[in-house]
Amino acid sequence: MADRLYTSNDADEVLSALRFETKLEKATLARMAFALSLAKEGPDVAQSPSFTGGEMKRPTFVGEDEVFMRALICHVYQKREIGEDPFFSNRSIVKNHIDSGAVLMGQLFQECGRDADSLLMRLVDEVEFGGRREMAGHGLDIFIGRTLLQRSELIMAINNTARHANSHLAIMGKPGTGKTQFILKILADIRQQSNYQTNFIYFDYKGDVVDNERFLEVAKVHPFRLLQEGESLPINPFVLPAYDEQTVNVSAREKAESFASINSKLGVVQKGGDRGDSGRLCTAGRQRNAISGLSRCVPDGGRHVRGGQQTGRQPH
C-alpha cells in the first residue's frame, strides 16, 4: 500500500502558486483539484505520465475521508470496489485527477483575473453546491467543520439554548479564505433543515451573492435589488399574524423596547404609554390604536405573495 504519491511538475507549480494566493494548504488545494476533475472529467481523465512534482502523503491528503473518497470514485467509475494501487499511488485515479484538476484550477484562476475570491466562487459554480444536512437533534444542528488535531466534527446547535444563550456568530479570516462561502453553506443548511420555513435577510454589499444562481436555487431565496427598478424590501414590522389584544400588546412592547434601546432618553409617553390613577403604566389602548392605524395604511392587510411566501409590504 503506497503511503505517498508525486504530482506532475505542472500540477505542483499550480498548487504552489494557488497556496500563495489563497493562503490554503497545498493538501486542501489538491483535494479541491481532485473533486473538480472528478466532477468535470470523470472516467475520461487522462493518465498522468509525470512524477517530478511535489510529494503528497496519503494521511495528509485522505485524512479520515478515505471511505468517502472511495465511494465517490466507485460511483463515478461505476465500480463496486477499488484496489489499493488504483486508489492511491503514482499510477492511481487520485493522482490522475489531482494533476488534471490542478491544471483546470490554474486555467480558472487566469479566467478569474488571478483573484482568489473569484476563483473560489467559480469553483462553487463548477462543482455541485449543496449543504450537508446533519440530523444530530431536533433543532437546527449545522455541521461547520472539523477540529485540526482530532478531526472531530463541529456541530453548531443553533436552537440549543442549553448550550448558549444566543445564536450570535462571528466569522473572521483573511481575504480569500472562504468566509462568504462558509456563511452561504450555513444559510443553505438552515433553509433545508427547517424545510424552508426559516427565513433570513442577507445584505449583499459586495454584490457577489445576488448573482450566485446555484445558491439561490439550493436555498430557495429571492433576491431584491433595492437600488434598481424601484424594488423595496417587502417587510412591514406592523403586520402581525393576529390582532388580538395579547398579540398587539406583545408586539408593541417589543417595538417600544427596541426604540428605547437605541435612544435611552425616551420617556414614558414616547414609549407609547401614560400613567393611570393607580400609577401603573397603561399602554394597551394606545399601542392597539397605533398598530391598527398603521396596518390600515397597508393595502390588503399588508400581505402579498412573492416567491410562494407571504410577506408584508412597506407602509405607504
Protein backbone atom coordinates (compact mmCIF):
# COMPACT_ATOMS: atom_id res chain seq x y z
CA MET A 1 0.00 0.00 0.00
CA ALA A 2 1.56 3.27 -1.14
CA ASP A 3 1.76 5.94 1.56
CA ARG A 4 2.54 8.79 -0.85
CA LEU A 5 2.42 9.86 -4.46
CA TYR A 6 4.18 12.51 -6.54
CA THR A 7 2.24 15.01 -8.58
CA SER A 8 3.24 16.22 -12.00
CA ASN A 9 5.54 19.22 -12.19
CA ASP A 10 2.78 21.32 -13.80
CA ALA A 11 0.33 20.42 -11.02
CA ASP A 12 2.88 21.20 -8.33
CA GLU A 13 3.58 24.65 -9.81
CA VAL A 14 -0.15 25.46 -9.93
CA LEU A 15 -0.80 24.22 -6.37
CA SER A 16 2.19 26.14 -5.02
CA ALA A 17 1.06 29.34 -6.73
CA LEU A 18 -2.52 28.94 -5.52
CA ARG A 19 -1.29 28.26 -1.99
CA PHE A 20 0.40 31.65 -2.03
CA GLU A 21 -2.66 33.41 -3.48
CA THR A 22 -5.40 31.71 -1.41
CA LYS A 23 -3.45 31.01 1.81
CA LEU A 24 -4.88 27.48 1.75
CA GLU A 25 -2.77 24.40 2.46
CA LYS A 26 -1.48 22.51 -0.57
CA ALA A 27 -3.28 19.31 0.51
CA THR A 28 -6.56 21.24 0.68
CA LEU A 29 -5.99 22.62 -2.81
CA ALA A 30 -5.11 19.12 -4.04
CA ARG A 31 -8.43 17.81 -2.68
CA MET A 32 -10.23 20.65 -4.45
CA ALA A 33 -8.40 19.78 -7.68
CA PHE A 34 -9.33 16.12 -7.26
CA ALA A 35 -13.01 17.00 -6.77
CA LEU A 36 -13.04 19.42 -9.72
CA SER A 37 -11.52 16.90 -12.12
CA LEU A 38 -13.71 14.07 -10.86
CA ALA A 39 -16.80 16.19 -11.49
CA LYS A 40 -15.68 17.63 -14.84
CA GLU A 41 -13.78 14.76 -16.48
CA GLY A 42 -14.83 11.63 -14.60
CA PRO A 43 -13.55 8.34 -16.06
CA ASP A 44 -12.24 10.16 -19.16
CA VAL A 45 -9.38 11.80 -17.26
CA ALA A 46 -6.01 11.32 -18.94
CA GLN A 47 -3.31 9.12 -17.40
CA SER A 48 -0.68 11.35 -15.81
CA PRO A 49 2.82 10.45 -17.09
CA SER A 50 4.81 12.79 -14.83
CA PHE A 51 6.06 12.12 -11.28
CA THR A 52 8.53 15.01 -10.98
CA GLY A 53 6.34 17.31 -8.86
CA GLY A 54 5.70 17.58 -5.17
CA GLU A 55 5.16 14.82 -2.66
CA MET A 56 1.60 14.18 -1.46
CA LYS A 57 1.40 11.94 1.60
CA ARG A 58 -1.62 9.70 1.92
CA PRO A 59 -2.61 10.65 5.51
CA THR A 60 -2.37 14.36 4.66
CA PHE A 61 -4.50 14.10 1.52
CA VAL A 62 -7.00 11.44 2.57
CA GLY A 63 -7.31 12.15 6.29
CA GLU A 64 -10.38 10.38 7.69
CA ASP A 65 -12.28 10.56 4.39
CA GLU A 66 -10.91 7.50 2.61
CA VAL A 67 -14.23 5.64 2.66
CA PHE A 68 -15.96 8.71 1.28
CA MET A 69 -13.38 9.22 -1.47
CA ARG A 70 -13.51 5.57 -2.45
CA ALA A 71 -17.30 5.78 -2.62
CA LEU A 72 -17.09 8.85 -4.87
CA ILE A 73 -14.67 7.15 -7.25
CA CYS A 74 -16.74 3.95 -7.35
CA HIS A 75 -19.84 5.99 -8.10
CA VAL A 76 -18.23 7.99 -10.92
CA TYR A 77 -16.41 4.99 -12.42
CA GLN A 78 -19.35 2.61 -11.93
CA LYS A 79 -17.24 0.13 -9.95
CA ARG A 80 -18.21 -1.95 -6.95
CA GLU A 81 -14.78 -1.56 -5.33
CA ILE A 82 -11.35 -0.14 -5.98
CA GLY A 83 -7.96 -1.65 -5.12
CA GLU A 84 -5.10 -0.03 -3.24
CA ASP A 85 -2.87 0.92 -6.18
CA PRO A 86 -5.71 2.17 -8.39
CA PHE A 87 -6.87 4.31 -5.45
CA PHE A 88 -3.64 5.93 -4.22
CA SER A 89 -0.28 5.51 -5.93
CA ASN A 90 1.79 7.11 -8.68
CA ARG A 91 -0.47 5.45 -11.24
CA SER A 92 -3.75 5.88 -9.43
CA ILE A 93 -7.10 7.50 -10.13
CA VAL A 94 -6.46 10.00 -7.34
CA LYS A 95 -3.15 11.14 -8.87
CA ASN A 96 -4.66 11.48 -12.34
CA HIS A 97 -7.43 13.70 -11.01
CA ILE A 98 -5.10 15.79 -8.83
CA ASP A 99 -2.83 16.53 -11.79
CA SER A 100 -5.70 17.18 -14.19
CA GLY A 101 -7.73 19.18 -11.65
CA ALA A 102 -4.73 21.37 -10.78
CA VAL A 103 -4.37 22.35 -14.43
CA LEU A 104 -8.10 23.13 -14.59
CA MET A 105 -7.83 25.25 -11.44
CA GLY A 106 -4.92 27.13 -12.93
CA GLN A 107 -6.98 27.91 -16.02
CA LEU A 108 -9.91 29.06 -13.89
CA PHE A 109 -7.58 31.25 -11.86
CA GLN A 110 -6.44 33.01 -15.02
CA GLU A 111 -10.05 33.41 -16.22
CA CYS A 112 -10.91 34.99 -12.86
CA GLY A 113 -8.25 37.66 -13.32
CA ARG A 114 -5.93 35.95 -10.81
CA ASP A 115 -8.35 36.85 -8.00
CA ALA A 116 -8.56 34.26 -5.20
CA ASP A 117 -12.11 35.17 -4.11
CA SER A 118 -13.39 34.92 -7.67
CA LEU A 119 -11.69 31.55 -8.08
CA LEU A 120 -13.41 30.11 -5.02
CA MET A 121 -16.76 31.39 -6.21
CA ARG A 122 -16.12 29.89 -9.65
CA LEU A 123 -15.27 26.53 -8.09
CA VAL A 124 -18.58 26.59 -6.23
CA ASP A 125 -20.32 27.02 -9.59
CA GLU A 126 -18.28 24.28 -11.26
CA VAL A 127 -18.78 21.66 -8.53
CA GLU A 128 -22.27 20.84 -7.31
CA PHE A 129 -23.23 23.15 -4.44
CA GLY A 130 -25.16 21.54 -1.62
CA GLY A 131 -25.43 21.93 2.12
CA ARG A 132 -24.67 18.97 4.33
CA ARG A 133 -27.73 18.04 6.35
CA GLU A 134 -26.97 16.83 9.84
CA MET A 135 -29.66 15.15 11.94
CA ALA A 136 -27.94 15.27 15.33
CA GLY A 137 -31.02 16.63 17.10
CA HIS A 138 -34.49 18.01 16.72
CA GLY A 139 -33.30 21.59 16.25
CA LEU A 140 -31.06 23.15 13.65
CA ASP A 141 -27.76 21.32 14.03
CA ILE A 142 -25.34 22.61 11.42
CA PHE A 143 -22.07 20.90 10.51
CA ILE A 144 -19.44 23.65 10.33
CA GLY A 145 -16.16 21.74 10.05
CA ARG A 146 -13.63 19.57 11.90
CA THR A 147 -11.03 20.27 14.55
CA LEU A 148 -7.46 20.45 13.26
CA LEU A 149 -5.90 17.84 15.53
CA GLN A 150 -8.56 15.27 16.40
CA ARG A 151 -10.54 15.81 13.16
CA SER A 152 -13.73 15.56 15.19
CA GLU A 153 -16.89 17.14 13.81
CA LEU A 154 -18.02 20.56 14.99
CA ILE A 155 -21.79 20.97 15.14
CA MET A 156 -23.43 24.36 15.71
CA ALA A 157 -26.72 23.72 17.53
CA ILE A 158 -28.45 26.96 16.70
CA ASN A 159 -31.63 26.39 18.73
CA ASN A 160 -29.99 24.68 21.70
CA THR A 161 -30.32 27.33 24.43
CA ALA A 162 -28.92 24.88 26.96
CA ARG A 163 -25.51 25.30 25.32
CA HIS A 164 -25.60 29.03 24.63
CA ALA A 165 -27.95 31.87 25.44
CA ASN A 166 -27.93 33.33 21.93
CA SER A 167 -27.06 32.29 18.41
CA HIS A 168 -24.69 35.11 17.51
CA LEU A 169 -21.87 34.09 15.21
CA ALA A 170 -18.71 35.91 14.12
CA ILE A 171 -16.79 34.71 11.06
CA MET A 172 -13.26 36.04 10.73
CA GLY A 173 -10.46 35.36 8.31
CA LYS A 174 -8.10 36.82 5.76
CA PRO A 175 -9.35 37.75 2.28
CA GLY A 176 -9.89 34.70 0.12
CA THR A 177 -10.17 32.16 2.94
CA GLY A 178 -13.82 31.39 2.17
CA LYS A 179 -15.83 33.44 4.67
CA THR A 180 -18.62 34.17 2.19
CA GLN A 181 -18.85 30.55 1.02
CA PHE A 182 -18.93 29.39 4.64
CA ILE A 183 -21.89 31.60 5.54
CA LEU A 184 -23.70 30.57 2.36
CA LYS A 185 -23.24 26.94 3.34
CA ILE A 186 -24.69 27.63 6.80
CA LEU A 187 -27.67 29.50 5.34
CA ALA A 188 -28.35 26.71 2.83
CA ASP A 189 -28.27 24.13 5.63
CA ILE A 190 -30.63 26.18 7.79
CA ARG A 191 -33.10 26.53 4.94
CA GLN A 192 -33.00 22.82 4.11
CA GLN A 193 -33.17 21.52 7.67
CA SER A 194 -36.12 23.79 8.51
CA ASN A 195 -37.94 22.67 5.35
CA TYR A 196 -37.53 26.24 4.09
CA GLN A 197 -39.60 27.64 6.97
CA THR A 198 -36.71 29.63 8.49
CA ASN A 199 -36.09 32.84 6.56
CA PHE A 200 -33.19 35.27 6.56
CA ILE A 201 -32.12 38.66 5.20
CA TYR A 202 -28.67 38.87 3.61
CA PHE A 203 -27.35 42.32 2.74
CA ASP A 204 -25.05 41.73 -0.23
CA TYR A 205 -22.84 44.81 -0.08
CA LYS A 206 -20.22 43.35 -2.42
CA GLY A 207 -22.74 42.07 -4.96
CA ASP A 208 -21.16 38.61 -5.23
CA VAL A 209 -24.11 36.64 -3.84
CA VAL A 210 -27.13 38.08 -5.65
CA ASP A 211 -25.90 36.55 -8.93
CA ASN A 212 -24.94 33.19 -7.40
CA GLU A 213 -27.70 31.22 -9.10
CA ARG A 214 -26.66 27.90 -7.55
CA PHE A 215 -27.02 29.25 -4.02
CA LEU A 216 -30.32 30.96 -4.84
CA GLU A 217 -31.62 27.66 -6.18
CA VAL A 218 -30.40 25.49 -3.30
CA ALA A 219 -31.61 27.85 -0.57
CA LYS A 220 -34.76 28.84 -2.49
CA VAL A 221 -34.35 32.53 -1.85
CA HIS A 222 -35.47 35.60 -3.78
CA PRO A 223 -33.05 38.48 -4.35
CA PHE A 224 -34.25 42.10 -4.11
CA ARG A 225 -32.24 44.77 -5.91
CA LEU A 226 -33.17 47.72 -3.72
CA LEU A 227 -31.48 50.37 -5.85
CA GLN A 228 -32.81 49.09 -9.16
CA GLU A 229 -36.25 49.14 -10.74
CA GLY A 230 -37.81 50.73 -7.68
CA GLU A 231 -37.78 47.49 -5.66
CA SER A 232 -38.25 47.73 -1.90
CA LEU A 233 -37.74 45.21 0.87
CA PRO A 234 -41.14 43.52 1.44
CA ILE A 235 -41.10 43.82 5.21
CA ASN A 236 -43.63 45.61 7.38
CA PRO A 237 -42.96 45.25 11.11
CA PHE A 238 -46.51 46.37 11.88
CA VAL A 239 -48.13 43.40 10.11
CA LEU A 240 -48.97 40.81 12.78
CA PRO A 241 -50.08 37.19 12.48
CA ALA A 242 -53.17 38.11 14.54
CA TYR A 243 -54.68 41.26 16.02
CA ASP A 244 -55.99 40.02 19.36
CA GLU A 245 -55.17 42.12 22.41
CA GLN A 246 -52.31 39.94 23.64
CA THR A 247 -50.52 39.80 20.26
CA VAL A 248 -50.85 43.55 19.77
CA ASN A 249 -49.60 44.32 23.28
CA VAL A 250 -46.60 41.99 23.00
CA SER A 251 -45.62 43.38 19.59
CA ALA A 252 -46.00 46.97 20.76
CA ARG A 253 -43.91 46.30 23.84
CA GLU A 254 -41.15 44.71 21.75
CA LYS A 255 -41.04 47.70 19.42
CA ALA A 256 -41.04 50.17 22.30
CA GLU A 257 -38.13 48.32 23.90
CA SER A 258 -36.24 48.30 20.59
CA PHE A 259 -36.63 52.07 20.20
CA ALA A 260 -35.68 52.62 23.83
CA SER A 261 -32.51 50.55 23.40
CA ILE A 262 -31.43 52.94 20.64
CA ASN A 263 -32.36 56.14 22.45
CA SER A 264 -32.13 55.87 26.22
CA LYS A 265 -33.72 59.32 26.64
CA LEU A 266 -37.17 58.16 25.52
CA GLY A 267 -39.75 58.81 28.21
CA VAL A 268 -42.95 57.03 29.15
CA VAL A 269 -45.11 58.94 26.66
CA GLN A 270 -42.65 58.42 23.82
CA LYS A 271 -42.74 54.71 24.55
CA GLY A 272 -46.48 54.73 23.95
CA GLY A 273 -47.82 54.74 27.50
CA ASP A 274 -49.17 57.08 30.15
CA ARG A 275 -49.67 56.99 33.89
CA GLY A 276 -53.06 55.95 35.18
CA ASP A 277 -54.57 56.86 38.53
CA SER A 278 -53.12 53.73 40.05
CA GLY A 279 -49.63 54.75 38.94
CA ARG A 280 -49.29 51.77 36.63
CA LEU A 281 -48.16 52.08 33.04
CA CYS A 282 -51.21 51.99 30.76
CA THR A 283 -50.25 51.20 27.18
CA ALA A 284 -52.66 48.67 25.71
CA GLY A 285 -55.19 51.06 24.22
CA ARG A 286 -52.67 53.43 22.71
CA GLN A 287 -50.49 50.60 21.35
CA ARG A 288 -53.50 48.89 19.79
CA ASN A 289 -54.59 52.14 18.14
CA ALA A 290 -51.09 52.84 16.83
CA ILE A 291 -50.57 49.41 15.30
CA SER A 292 -54.11 49.14 13.97
CA GLY A 293 -53.87 52.60 12.41
CA LEU A 294 -50.60 51.80 10.71
CA SER A 295 -51.79 48.44 9.45
CA ARG A 296 -54.84 50.09 7.85
CA CYS A 297 -52.44 52.16 5.77
CA VAL A 298 -51.14 48.96 4.14
CA PRO A 299 -53.27 47.57 1.28
CA ASP A 300 -54.83 44.13 1.73
CA GLY A 301 -53.88 43.92 5.36
CA GLY A 302 -50.21 44.40 4.49
CA ARG A 303 -49.74 40.97 2.94
CA HIS A 304 -48.80 39.88 -0.53
CA VAL A 305 -47.34 36.75 -2.01
CA ARG A 306 -43.91 36.77 -3.63
CA GLY A 307 -41.98 33.68 -4.50
CA GLY A 308 -44.52 31.39 -2.84
CA GLN A 309 -44.17 33.11 0.54
CA GLN A 310 -46.46 35.53 2.27
CA THR A 311 -44.74 38.72 3.28
CA GLY A 312 -45.61 42.25 4.32
CA ARG A 313 -45.38 45.36 2.17
CA GLN A 314 -43.82 48.60 3.14
CA PRO A 315 -46.29 51.07 4.74
CA HIS A 316 -47.31 53.95 2.46
